[in-house]
Amino acid sequence: MQNAAFAAVGLNGWRYELWETPPEALQARIAELRANGALAGANVTVPHKESVMLLLDELSAEARAVGAVNTVYKRNGALVGDNTDWCGFLADLAFHNVELIPNETALILGAGGSARAVAYALARQGIRLLVWNRTPARAEALLNDLAQTLGDMRGEVIPSQAHPAASHARLIVNCTSLGMWPRTDESPWQEGTPFPKGVVVYDLVYRPRR
């Protein structure tokens, strides 16, 4: 997809590559990005979106607000971290004609970097947030950080997807890696829990496609 985009805009000498990077190699990978003049930047995915922030020279206002980075680029010799997850998420909802009505409720599954971007995007639209995570403290930290950034956002941590508050959700977003290859037989949704009537379910997992 990225290489096709480069070709479409005439950047024929540019190339997008996959760099498998375990957590213990992240610091060395960023050092390589910094030192190699042929590298223009990088995208960052799970599980590095939060930890990479400490290794960069500058952060955009959006990256600071979200508390996660998915894009790194070079500017005047410095490595700048940015976040485009939140606006890309809103653009895709609009593309699929999903209307976000202020004061309605959304349930976010997960509390990592992607969940932070989704929570930031929805809170900016006046949506009330419910956050479930297998480690509740991470969900609490997400909402606390968001409240410091946006001030008047509304959100709470729920202990399970079957919590009564979840029955009011009009949007459910899977921000966990459960279901992503090779763990395709796993689900973040509690077995036996019905989906709220009329809810829109949005899954950030992109492999497999369904």
C-alpha atoms as a PDB file:
ATOM      1  CA  MET A   1       0.000   0.000   0.000  1.00  0.00           C
ATOM      2  CA  GLN A   2       2.716   2.474   0.972  1.00  0.00           C
ATOM      3  CA  ASN A   3       4.901   1.667  -2.024  1.00  0.00           C
ATOM      4  CA  ALA A   4       1.903   2.063  -4.321  1.00  0.00           C
ATOM      5  CA  ALA A   5       1.295   5.489  -2.762  1.00  0.00           C
ATOM      6  CA  PHE A   6       4.920   6.499  -3.357  1.00  0.00           C
ATOM      7  CA  ALA A   7       4.612   5.495  -7.015  1.00  0.00           C
ATOM      8  CA  ALA A   8       1.296   7.310  -7.398  1.00  0.00           C
ATOM      9  CA  VAL A   9       2.820  10.644  -6.368  1.00  0.00           C
ATOM     10  CA  GLY A  10       6.024  10.149  -8.356  1.00  0.00           C
ATOM     11  CA  LEU A  11       8.380   9.236  -5.493  1.00  0.00           C
ATOM     12  CA  ASN A  12       9.875   6.401  -7.520  1.00  0.00           C
ATOM     13  CA  GLY A  13      13.107   6.249  -5.552  1.00  0.00           C
ATOM     14  CA  TRP A  14      11.314   5.780  -2.232  1.00  0.00           C
ATOM     15  CA  ARG A  15      10.724   2.388  -0.635  1.00  0.00           C
ATOM     16  CA  TYR A  16       8.693   1.237   2.361  1.00  0.00           C
ATOM     17  CA  GLU A  17      10.021  -1.794   4.270  1.00  0.00           C
ATOM     18  CA  LEU A  18       8.886  -3.963   7.166  1.00  0.00           C
ATOM     19  CA  TRP A  19      11.263  -3.976  10.129  1.00  0.00           C
ATOM     20  CA  GLU A  20      10.478  -6.633  12.698  1.00  0.00           C
ATOM     21  CA  THR A  21      11.581  -5.046  15.977  1.00  0.00           C
ATOM     22  CA  PRO A  22      11.241  -6.789  19.355  1.00  0.00           C
ATOM     23  CA  PRO A  23      11.017  -4.491  22.406  1.00  0.00           C
ATOM     24  CA  GLU A  24      14.623  -5.085  23.426  1.00  0.00           C
ATOM     25  CA  ALA A  25      15.788  -3.879  19.978  1.00  0.00           C
ATOM     26  CA  LEU A  26      13.711  -0.686  19.831  1.00  0.00           C
ATOM     27  CA  GLN A  27      16.434   1.644  21.109  1.00  0.00           C
ATOM     28  CA  ALA A  28      18.938   0.329  18.576  1.00  0.00           C
ATOM     29  CA  ARG A  29      16.344   0.601  15.799  1.00  0.00           C
ATOM     30  CA  ILE A  30      15.691   4.265  16.587  1.00  0.00           C
ATOM     31  CA  ALA A  31      19.445   4.901  16.714  1.00  0.00           C
ATOM     32  CA  GLU A  32      19.711   3.359  13.232  1.00  0.00           C
ATOM     33  CA  LEU A  33      16.892   5.566  11.967  1.00  0.00           C
ATOM     34  CA  ARG A  34      18.629   8.620  13.415  1.00  0.00           C
ATOM     35  CA  ALA A  35      22.069   7.810  11.981  1.00  0.00           C
ATOM     36  CA  ASN A  36      21.127   6.597   8.504  1.00  0.00           C
ATOM     37  CA  GLY A  37      20.676   9.570   6.190  1.00  0.00           C
ATOM     38  CA  ALA A  38      18.909   7.429   3.612  1.00  0.00           C
ATOM     39  CA  LEU A  39      16.001   6.809   5.980  1.00  0.00           C
ATOM     40  CA  ALA A  40      13.289   9.487   5.922  1.00  0.00           C
ATOM     41  CA  GLY A  41      11.150   8.164   8.755  1.00  0.00           C
ATOM     42  CA  ALA A  42       9.144   5.257  10.095  1.00  0.00           C
ATOM     43  CA  ASN A  43       5.789   4.070  11.301  1.00  0.00           C
ATOM     44  CA  VAL A  44       5.460   2.525  14.747  1.00  0.00           C
ATOM     45  CA  THR A  45       2.971  -0.132  15.721  1.00  0.00           C
ATOM     46  CA  VAL A  46       2.105  -2.331  18.699  1.00  0.00           C
ATOM     47  CA  PRO A  47       3.763  -2.681  21.198  1.00  0.00           C
ATOM     48  CA  HIS A  48       6.043   0.348  20.726  1.00  0.00           C
ATOM     49  CA  LYS A  49       3.675   3.319  20.381  1.00  0.00           C
ATOM     50  CA  GLU A  50       4.173   4.538  23.944  1.00  0.00           C
ATOM     51  CA  SER A  51       7.735   3.414  24.706  1.00  0.00           C
ATOM     52  CA  VAL A  52       9.154   5.024  21.555  1.00  0.00           C
ATOM     53  CA  MET A  53       8.197   8.475  22.825  1.00  0.00           C
ATOM     54  CA  LEU A  54      11.143   8.536  25.243  1.00  0.00           C
ATOM     55  CA  LEU A  55      13.602   7.915  22.396  1.00  0.00           C
ATOM     56  CA  LEU A  56      12.595  10.856  20.186  1.00  0.00           C
ATOM     57  CA  ASP A  57      13.744  14.492  20.122  1.00  0.00           C
ATOM     58  CA  GLU A  58      10.366  16.184  19.644  1.00  0.00           C
ATOM     59  CA  LEU A  59       6.677  15.321  19.851  1.00  0.00           C
ATOM     60  CA  SER A  60       3.761  16.914  18.052  1.00  0.00           C
ATOM     61  CA  ALA A  61       0.937  18.385  20.097  1.00  0.00           C
ATOM     62  CA  GLU A  62      -1.285  15.503  18.988  1.00  0.00           C
ATOM     63  CA  ALA A  63       1.243  12.860  20.022  1.00  0.00           C
ATOM     64  CA  ARG A  64       1.530  14.475  23.461  1.00  0.00           C
ATOM     65  CA  ALA A  65      -2.237  14.670  23.811  1.00  0.00           C
ATOM     66  CA  VAL A  66      -2.771  11.060  22.744  1.00  0.00           C
ATOM     67  CA  GLY A  67       0.222   9.750  24.683  1.00  0.00           C
ATOM     68  CA  ALA A  68       1.369   7.581  21.779  1.00  0.00           C
ATOM     69  CA  VAL A  69       3.333   7.853  18.523  1.00  0.00           C
ATOM     70  CA  ASN A  70       2.668   5.991  15.281  1.00  0.00           C
ATOM     71  CA  THR A  71       4.720   8.143  12.888  1.00  0.00           C
ATOM     72  CA  VAL A  72       8.342   9.317  13.106  1.00  0.00           C
ATOM     73  CA  TYR A  73       9.937  11.738  10.656  1.00  0.00           C
ATOM     74  CA  LYS A  74      13.091  13.819  10.454  1.00  0.00           C
ATOM     75  CA  ARG A  75      13.144  17.620  10.732  1.00  0.00           C
ATOM     76  CA  ASN A  76      16.387  19.582  10.813  1.00  0.00           C
ATOM     77  CA  GLY A  77      18.266  16.545  12.042  1.00  0.00           C
ATOM     78  CA  ALA A  78      15.804  15.772  14.820  1.00  0.00           C
ATOM     79  CA  LEU A  79      13.439  12.803  15.116  1.00  0.00           C
ATOM     80  CA  VAL A  80       9.861  14.020  15.514  1.00  0.00           C
ATOM     81  CA  GLY A  81       7.064  11.780  16.782  1.00  0.00           C
ATOM     82  CA  ASP A  82       3.518  12.341  15.556  1.00  0.00           C
ATOM     83  CA  ASN A  83       0.177  10.552  15.776  1.00  0.00           C
ATOM     84  CA  THR A  84      -2.168  10.105  12.824  1.00  0.00           C
ATOM     85  CA  ASP A  85      -4.169   7.204  14.282  1.00  0.00           C
ATOM     86  CA  TRP A  86      -6.795   9.455  15.849  1.00  0.00           C
ATOM     87  CA  CYS A  87      -7.643  11.462  12.710  1.00  0.00           C
ATOM     88  CA  GLY A  88      -7.434   8.380  10.487  1.00  0.00           C
ATOM     89  CA  PHE A  89      -9.953   6.663  12.750  1.00  0.00           C
ATOM     90  CA  LEU A  90     -12.388   9.594  12.516  1.00  0.00           C
ATOM     91  CA  ALA A  91     -11.939   9.773   8.741  1.00  0.00           C
ATOM     92  CA  ASP A  92     -12.798   6.083   8.384  1.00  0.00           C
ATOM     93  CA  LEU A  93     -15.909   6.414  10.534  1.00  0.00           C
ATOM     94  CA  ALA A  94     -17.035   9.291   8.325  1.00  0.00           C
ATOM     95  CA  PHE A  95     -16.266   7.261   5.191  1.00  0.00           C
ATOM     96  CA  HIS A  96     -18.578   4.515   6.462  1.00  0.00           C
ATOM     97  CA  ASN A  97     -21.275   7.040   7.417  1.00  0.00           C
ATOM     98  CA  VAL A  98     -20.963   6.424  11.150  1.00  0.00           C
ATOM     99  CA  GLU A  99     -22.264   9.571  12.824  1.00  0.00           C
ATOM    100  CA  LEU A 100     -20.805  10.556  16.176  1.00  0.00           C
ATOM    101  CA  ILE A 101     -23.428  12.288  18.284  1.00  0.00           C
ATOM    102  CA  PRO A 102     -22.189  14.165  21.380  1.00  0.00           C
ATOM    103  CA  ASN A 103     -23.123  12.578  24.723  1.00  0.00           C
ATOM    104  CA  GLU A 104     -23.558   9.123  23.222  1.00  0.00           C
ATOM    105  CA  THR A 105     -21.459   6.273  24.644  1.00  0.00           C
ATOM    106  CA  ALA A 106     -18.576   4.326  23.132  1.00  0.00           C
ATOM    107  CA  LEU A 107     -16.895   1.253  24.600  1.00  0.00           C
ATOM    108  CA  ILE A 108     -13.160   0.909  24.006  1.00  0.00           C
ATOM    109  CA  LEU A 109     -11.555  -2.510  24.449  1.00  0.00           C
ATOM    110  CA  GLY A 110      -7.895  -2.093  25.401  1.00  0.00           C
ATOM    111  CA  ALA A 111      -5.773   0.702  26.819  1.00  0.00           C
ATOM    112  CA  GLY A 112      -2.589   0.711  24.733  1.00  0.00           C
ATOM    113  CA  GLY A 113      -1.372   3.199  22.154  1.00  0.00           C
ATOM    114  CA  SER A 114      -4.183   2.576  19.671  1.00  0.00           C
ATOM    115  CA  ALA A 115      -6.807   2.825  22.399  1.00  0.00           C
ATOM    116  CA  ARG A 116      -5.339   6.162  23.466  1.00  0.00           C
ATOM    117  CA  ALA A 117      -5.702   7.502  19.924  1.00  0.00           C
ATOM    118  CA  VAL A 118      -9.289   6.259  19.620  1.00  0.00           C
ATOM    119  CA  ALA A 119     -10.204   7.655  23.046  1.00  0.00           C
ATOM    120  CA  TYR A 120      -8.701  11.035  22.167  1.00  0.00           C
ATOM    121  CA  ALA A 121     -10.567  11.126  18.850  1.00  0.00           C
ATOM    122  CA  LEU A 122     -13.922  10.232  20.391  1.00  0.00           C
ATOM    123  CA  ALA A 123     -13.563  12.495  23.420  1.00  0.00           C
ATOM    124  CA  ARG A 124     -12.866  15.438  21.090  1.00  0.00           C
ATOM    125  CA  GLN A 125     -16.270  14.721  19.539  1.00  0.00           C
ATOM    126  CA  GLY A 126     -18.025  14.836  22.919  1.00  0.00           C
ATOM    127  CA  ILE A 127     -18.496  11.066  23.205  1.00  0.00           C
ATOM    128  CA  ARG A 128     -18.749   9.488  26.666  1.00  0.00           C
ATOM    129  CA  LEU A 129     -16.119   6.766  27.041  1.00  0.00           C
ATOM    130  CA  LEU A 130     -16.210   3.369  28.686  1.00  0.00           C
ATOM    131  CA  VAL A 131     -12.840   1.622  28.785  1.00  0.00           C
ATOM    132  CA  TRP A 132     -12.229  -2.056  29.486  1.00  0.00           C
ATOM    133  CA  ASN A 133      -8.741  -3.486  29.845  1.00  0.00           C
ATOM    134  CA  ARG A 134      -7.448  -6.677  31.423  1.00  0.00           C
ATOM    135  CA  THR A 135      -5.226  -4.408  33.561  1.00  0.00           C
ATOM    136  CA  PRO A 136      -7.653  -1.805  34.960  1.00  0.00           C
ATOM    137  CA  ALA A 137      -4.829   0.475  36.095  1.00  0.00           C
ATOM    138  CA  ARG A 138      -3.833   1.075  32.477  1.00  0.00           C
ATOM    139  CA  ALA A 139      -7.398   2.045  31.611  1.00  0.00           C
ATOM    140  CA  GLU A 140      -7.462   4.444  34.582  1.00  0.00           C
ATOM    141  CA  ALA A 141      -4.179   5.989  33.420  1.00  0.00           C
ATOM    142  CA  LEU A 142      -5.581   6.455  29.916  1.00  0.00           C
ATOM    143  CA  LEU A 143      -8.624   8.342  31.171  1.00  0.00           C
ATOM    144  CA  ASN A 144      -6.602  10.395  33.672  1.00  0.00           C
ATOM    145  CA  ASP A 145      -4.146  11.489  30.990  1.00  0.00           C
ATOM    146  CA  LEU A 146      -6.985  12.338  28.628  1.00  0.00           C
ATOM    147  CA  ALA A 147      -8.753  14.394  31.287  1.00  0.00           C
ATOM    148  CA  GLN A 148      -5.606  16.454  31.809  1.00  0.00           C
ATOM    149  CA  THR A 149      -5.460  17.155  28.080  1.00  0.00           C
ATOM    150  CA  LEU A 150      -9.131  17.775  27.273  1.00  0.00           C
ATOM    151  CA  GLY A 151     -10.482  18.769  30.668  1.00  0.00           C
ATOM    152  CA  ASP A 152     -14.214  18.215  30.283  1.00  0.00           C
ATOM    153  CA  MET A 153     -14.199  14.685  28.817  1.00  0.00           C
ATOM    154  CA  ARG A 154     -16.351  12.006  30.469  1.00  0.00           C
ATOM    155  CA  GLY A 155     -15.226   8.448  30.940  1.00  0.00           C
ATOM    156  CA  GLU A 156     -15.092   5.491  33.275  1.00  0.00           C
ATOM    157  CA  VAL A 157     -13.374   2.139  33.556  1.00  0.00           C
ATOM    158  CA  ILE A 158     -15.674  -0.888  33.523  1.00  0.00           C
ATOM    159  CA  PRO A 159     -14.712  -4.326  34.889  1.00  0.00           C
ATOM    160  CA  SER A 160     -16.273  -6.382  32.092  1.00  0.00           C
ATOM    161  CA  GLN A 161     -18.049  -6.037  28.765  1.00  0.00           C
ATOM    162  CA  ALA A 162     -21.203  -7.262  30.519  1.00  0.00           C
ATOM    163  CA  HIS A 163     -21.229  -4.198  32.812  1.00  0.00           C
ATOM    164  CA  PRO A 164     -24.687  -2.512  32.730  1.00  0.00           C
ATOM    165  CA  ALA A 165     -23.179   0.749  31.437  1.00  0.00           C
ATOM    166  CA  ALA A 166     -21.984  -1.081  28.301  1.00  0.00           C
ATOM    167  CA  SER A 167     -25.566  -1.754  27.256  1.00  0.00           C
ATOM    168  CA  HIS A 168     -25.818   1.942  26.303  1.00  0.00           C
ATOM    169  CA  ALA A 169     -22.833   1.836  23.939  1.00  0.00           C
ATOM    170  CA  ARG A 170     -23.521   2.863  20.358  1.00  0.00           C
ATOM    171  CA  LEU A 171     -19.958   2.179  19.235  1.00  0.00           C
ATOM    172  CA  ILE A 172     -17.567  -0.592  20.314  1.00  0.00           C
ATOM    173  CA  VAL A 173     -13.928  -0.401  19.215  1.00  0.00           C
ATOM    174  CA  ASN A 174     -11.495  -3.304  19.573  1.00  0.00           C
ATOM    175  CA  CYS A 175      -8.091  -1.757  20.272  1.00  0.00           C
ATOM    176  CA  THR A 176      -6.535  -4.994  21.534  1.00  0.00           C
ATOM    177  CA  SER A 177      -4.390  -7.347  19.459  1.00  0.00           C
ATOM    178  CA  LEU A 178      -6.677 -10.272  20.232  1.00  0.00           C
ATOM    179  CA  GLY A 179      -7.856 -11.811  16.974  1.00  0.00           C
ATOM    180  CA  MET A 180      -4.811 -10.633  15.033  1.00  0.00           C
ATOM    181  CA  TRP A 181      -2.727 -13.257  13.276  1.00  0.00           C
ATOM    182  CA  PRO A 182      -1.488 -15.656  14.573  1.00  0.00           C
ATOM    183  CA  ARG A 183      -3.955 -15.417  17.509  1.00  0.00           C
ATOM    184  CA  THR A 184      -6.970 -15.527  15.201  1.00  0.00           C
ATOM    185  CA  ASP A 185      -9.013 -17.776  17.499  1.00  0.00           C
ATOM    186  CA  GLU A 186      -8.963 -15.269  20.379  1.00  0.00           C
ATOM    187  CA  SER A 187     -11.475 -12.501  21.016  1.00  0.00           C
ATOM    188  CA  PRO A 188     -11.579  -9.554  23.418  1.00  0.00           C
ATOM    189  CA  TRP A 189     -15.369  -9.871  23.620  1.00  0.00           C
ATOM    190  CA  GLN A 190     -16.649 -11.808  26.620  1.00  0.00           C
ATOM    191  CA  GLU A 191     -18.267 -15.034  25.443  1.00  0.00           C
ATOM    192  CA  GLY A 192     -22.019 -15.113  25.985  1.00  0.00           C
ATOM    193  CA  THR A 193     -22.311 -11.318  26.263  1.00  0.00           C
ATOM    194  CA  PRO A 194     -24.792  -9.942  23.695  1.00  0.00           C
ATOM    195  CA  PHE A 195     -23.932  -6.851  21.710  1.00  0.00           C
ATOM    196  CA  PRO A 196     -26.115  -3.817  22.487  1.00  0.00           C
ATOM    197  CA  LYS A 197     -28.917  -3.353  19.982  1.00  0.00           C
ATOM    198  CA  GLY A 198     -27.966  -1.181  17.022  1.00  0.00           C
ATOM    199  CA  VAL A 199     -24.317  -0.918  18.020  1.00  0.00           C
ATOM    200  CA  VAL A 200     -21.512  -0.307  15.501  1.00  0.00           C
ATOM    201  CA  VAL A 201     -18.505  -2.579  16.059  1.00  0.00           C
ATOM    202  CA  TYR A 202     -15.135  -1.367  14.770  1.00  0.00           C
ATOM    203  CA  ASP A 203     -12.120  -3.687  14.831  1.00  0.00           C
ATOM    204  CA  LEU A 204      -8.617  -2.261  14.535  1.00  0.00           C
ATOM    205  CA  VAL A 205      -7.260  -5.733  13.747  1.00  0.00           C
ATOM    206  CA  TYR A 206      -6.340  -5.798  10.046  1.00  0.00           C
ATOM    207  CA  ARG A 207      -4.901  -9.299   9.691  1.00  0.00           C
ATOM    208  CA  PRO A 208      -6.950 -11.313   8.892  1.00  0.00           C
ATOM    209  CA  ARG A 209      -9.181  -8.931   6.920  1.00  0.00           C
ATOM    210  CA  ARG A 210     -12.287 -10.505   8.468  1.00  0.00           C
END
